[in-house]
Amino acid sequence: MSDETLVRHCSPTLAGIKAGNLFSEIYPDHRTMVKDIRRFNQILVPHGLVLLPVKFRNGWTLLYLYRPKDLEKSLSSKEAEEILRQIGYTETGINRKLGHLIRRLNESPSFPHEIGLFLSYPPEDVKGFIDNKAHDFKYVGFWKVYGDEQKARDTFFRYHRCEDSYLKHLEHGATLKQLIID
């Protein structure tokens, strides 16, 4: 995987304006995937970020880049805790909640909708998506909006602006390490 791939898919998390991003990458084998993730984590972990494979099938890998401190804050809101509790998350701590999510990703035939909470989606939008079965939304951007449409539009604009800026910096010679905001 290239630095550009990580920046293209995860610039808001690298910039510290989002708790996590999810994206996929193709690897020829499991060993190459592990080696690549270790290489990136040597750069990311000292800056409070973790790159984690959450699903691997036939070379296709679903990767999750996240900021543990920001994720802890996101998942500890009353609304997020209630959504997770209703779905069966009884664990405390982000590592256990992440473990639960990973099990659901790998065992469930459908995509677990609570993943939005792990991606900094507003809990009201995650709840709206679950309750309305992905229908009757107000707007679609990075996610389907059921709550504050203007706030979501502003967030989507910030994410796009961040990605554009990061890609330009990378194109002009910035390193991944230089782009990470602690």
Protein backbone atom coordinates (compact mmCIF):
# COMPACT_ATOMS: atom_id res chain seq x y z
CA MET A 1 0.00 0.00 0.00
CA SER A 2 1.24 3.47 -0.77
CA ASP A 3 1.26 6.55 1.43
CA GLU A 4 -1.09 8.10 -1.11
CA THR A 5 -3.65 5.34 -0.56
CA LEU A 6 -3.63 5.95 3.18
CA VAL A 7 -3.86 9.72 2.72
CA ARG A 8 -6.65 9.45 0.12
CA HIS A 9 -8.80 7.30 2.39
CA CYS A 10 -7.82 8.55 5.84
CA SER A 11 -6.78 12.20 5.73
CA PRO A 12 -9.46 13.35 8.23
CA THR A 13 -8.19 10.80 10.76
CA LEU A 14 -4.56 11.73 10.06
CA ALA A 15 -5.54 15.37 10.62
CA GLY A 16 -7.27 14.61 13.91
CA ILE A 17 -10.76 15.69 12.83
CA LYS A 18 -12.20 12.16 12.76
CA ALA A 19 -11.77 9.16 15.10
CA GLY A 20 -11.40 6.59 12.33
CA ASN A 21 -11.55 5.68 8.66
CA LEU A 22 -12.24 2.38 6.96
CA PHE A 23 -10.91 1.34 3.55
CA SER A 24 -9.91 -1.75 1.61
CA GLU A 25 -6.67 -2.89 0.04
CA ILE A 26 -5.67 -5.93 -2.01
CA TYR A 27 -2.68 -7.99 -0.85
CA PRO A 28 -1.19 -11.06 -2.57
CA ASP A 29 -1.05 -12.93 0.75
CA HIS A 30 -1.51 -12.60 4.50
CA ARG A 31 2.22 -12.23 5.18
CA THR A 32 2.56 -9.22 2.85
CA MET A 33 -0.46 -7.59 4.51
CA VAL A 34 1.00 -8.03 8.00
CA LYS A 35 4.39 -6.68 6.89
CA ASP A 36 2.76 -3.61 5.32
CA ILE A 37 0.62 -2.87 8.36
CA ARG A 38 3.65 -3.16 10.65
CA ARG A 39 5.56 -0.74 8.44
CA PHE A 40 2.77 1.83 8.62
CA ASN A 41 2.22 1.35 12.35
CA GLN A 42 5.89 2.17 13.00
CA ILE A 43 5.06 5.65 11.70
CA LEU A 44 1.50 5.94 13.03
CA VAL A 45 1.58 4.53 16.57
CA PRO A 46 4.04 7.11 18.02
CA HIS A 47 1.52 9.76 16.90
CA GLY A 48 -1.50 8.16 18.53
CA LEU A 49 -2.86 6.28 15.50
CA VAL A 50 -3.32 2.57 14.83
CA LEU A 51 -3.83 0.76 11.53
CA LEU A 52 -5.73 -2.48 12.09
CA PRO A 53 -6.90 -5.18 9.68
CA VAL A 54 -10.52 -5.93 10.54
CA LYS A 55 -11.34 -8.41 7.80
CA PHE A 56 -9.21 -10.47 5.39
CA ARG A 57 -10.59 -12.69 2.62
CA ASN A 58 -8.80 -13.98 -0.47
CA GLY A 59 -6.31 -11.11 -0.54
CA TRP A 60 -8.94 -8.44 0.07
CA THR A 61 -8.36 -6.65 3.38
CA LEU A 62 -10.61 -4.21 5.17
CA LEU A 63 -8.41 -1.81 7.13
CA TYR A 64 -9.33 0.53 9.95
CA LEU A 65 -7.16 3.54 10.83
CA TYR A 66 -8.16 5.06 14.13
CA ARG A 67 -7.15 7.28 17.02
CA PRO A 68 -7.77 5.28 20.21
CA LYS A 69 -8.26 8.38 22.40
CA ASP A 70 -10.76 9.94 20.00
CA LEU A 71 -12.58 6.64 19.52
CA GLU A 72 -12.89 6.21 23.28
CA LYS A 73 -14.48 9.65 23.47
CA SER A 74 -16.87 8.95 20.56
CA LEU A 75 -18.01 5.60 21.91
CA SER A 76 -18.51 6.88 25.46
CA SER A 77 -21.29 9.31 24.60
CA LYS A 78 -24.62 8.35 26.15
CA GLU A 79 -26.23 7.95 22.71
CA ALA A 80 -23.43 5.78 21.29
CA GLU A 81 -23.37 3.57 24.39
CA GLU A 82 -27.14 3.04 24.15
CA ILE A 83 -26.97 2.05 20.47
CA LEU A 84 -24.15 -0.39 21.14
CA ARG A 85 -25.89 -1.84 24.20
CA GLN A 86 -29.08 -2.47 22.19
CA ILE A 87 -27.06 -4.39 19.59
CA GLY A 88 -25.39 -6.56 22.22
CA TYR A 89 -22.14 -4.78 23.03
CA THR A 90 -21.69 -5.45 26.74
CA GLU A 91 -17.93 -4.90 26.75
CA THR A 92 -16.19 -1.93 28.31
CA GLY A 93 -13.16 -0.27 26.75
CA ILE A 94 -12.47 0.37 23.10
CA ASN A 95 -10.28 -2.68 22.56
CA ARG A 96 -13.08 -5.01 23.59
CA LYS A 97 -15.65 -3.05 21.61
CA LEU A 98 -13.35 -3.19 18.59
CA GLY A 99 -13.00 -6.94 19.09
CA HIS A 100 -16.80 -7.25 19.12
CA LEU A 101 -17.07 -5.20 15.92
CA ILE A 102 -14.40 -7.31 14.22
CA ARG A 103 -16.25 -10.51 15.15
CA ARG A 104 -19.47 -9.05 13.71
CA LEU A 105 -17.67 -7.99 10.52
CA ASN A 106 -16.31 -11.48 10.04
CA GLU A 107 -19.30 -13.54 11.17
CA SER A 108 -22.34 -11.55 10.07
CA PRO A 109 -23.70 -11.96 6.53
CA SER A 110 -24.51 -8.24 6.47
CA PHE A 111 -22.41 -5.21 7.32
CA PRO A 112 -22.87 -4.16 10.97
CA HIS A 113 -24.46 -0.71 10.86
CA GLU A 114 -23.05 0.38 14.20
CA ILE A 115 -19.71 0.71 12.44
CA GLY A 116 -20.70 4.34 11.83
CA LEU A 117 -20.04 5.03 15.52
CA PHE A 118 -16.46 3.82 14.99
CA LEU A 119 -16.16 6.24 12.04
CA SER A 120 -17.30 9.39 13.89
CA TYR A 121 -20.79 9.42 12.40
CA PRO A 122 -23.25 11.20 14.70
CA PRO A 123 -25.14 8.68 16.85
CA GLU A 124 -28.47 10.16 15.73
CA ASP A 125 -27.56 9.33 12.12
CA VAL A 126 -26.45 5.79 13.01
CA LYS A 127 -29.67 5.26 14.96
CA GLY A 128 -31.71 6.75 12.10
CA PHE A 129 -30.02 4.44 9.60
CA ILE A 130 -30.74 1.37 11.75
CA ASP A 131 -34.33 2.37 12.64
CA ASN A 132 -35.26 3.39 9.08
CA LYS A 133 -33.42 0.51 7.39
CA ALA A 134 -31.40 3.00 5.31
CA HIS A 135 -34.54 4.78 3.99
CA ASP A 136 -36.10 8.21 4.59
CA PHE A 137 -32.81 10.06 5.08
CA LYS A 138 -32.41 13.81 4.61
CA TYR A 139 -29.11 13.84 2.73
CA VAL A 140 -26.27 11.53 1.64
CA GLY A 141 -22.58 12.33 1.82
CA PHE A 142 -20.03 10.23 3.65
CA TRP A 143 -23.04 8.68 5.41
CA LYS A 144 -26.84 8.95 5.31
CA VAL A 145 -28.02 11.90 7.36
CA TYR A 146 -31.09 11.65 9.58
CA GLY A 147 -30.26 14.42 12.05
CA ASP A 148 -28.67 17.84 11.55
CA GLU A 149 -28.29 18.13 7.77
CA GLN A 150 -26.38 21.42 7.76
CA LYS A 151 -23.89 20.20 10.34
CA ALA A 152 -23.35 17.05 8.26
CA ARG A 153 -22.87 19.07 5.06
CA ASP A 154 -20.29 21.24 6.85
CA THR A 155 -18.50 18.11 8.07
CA PHE A 156 -18.50 16.57 4.58
CA PHE A 157 -17.01 19.80 3.20
CA ARG A 158 -14.25 19.72 5.86
CA TYR A 159 -13.44 16.10 5.01
CA HIS A 160 -13.19 16.86 1.28
CA ARG A 161 -11.08 19.96 1.90
CA CYS A 162 -8.79 17.96 4.20
CA GLU A 163 -8.29 15.21 1.62
CA ASP A 164 -7.55 17.73 -1.15
CA SER A 165 -5.05 19.58 1.03
CA TYR A 166 -3.30 16.42 2.19
CA LEU A 167 -3.00 15.05 -1.33
CA LYS A 168 -1.50 18.35 -2.53
CA HIS A 169 1.03 18.32 0.33
CA LEU A 170 1.94 14.72 -0.47
CA GLU A 171 2.31 15.58 -4.17
CA HIS A 172 4.70 18.41 -3.22
CA GLY A 173 6.98 16.10 -1.23
CA ALA A 174 5.51 15.95 2.28
CA THR A 175 5.98 12.65 4.05
CA LEU A 176 3.22 10.72 5.78
CA LYS A 177 4.86 11.48 9.12
CA GLN A 178 4.76 15.22 8.35
CA LEU A 179 1.04 15.05 7.59
CA ILE A 180 0.05 13.50 10.91
CA ILE A 181 -1.33 15.96 13.44
CA ASP A 182 -0.75 14.77 17.01
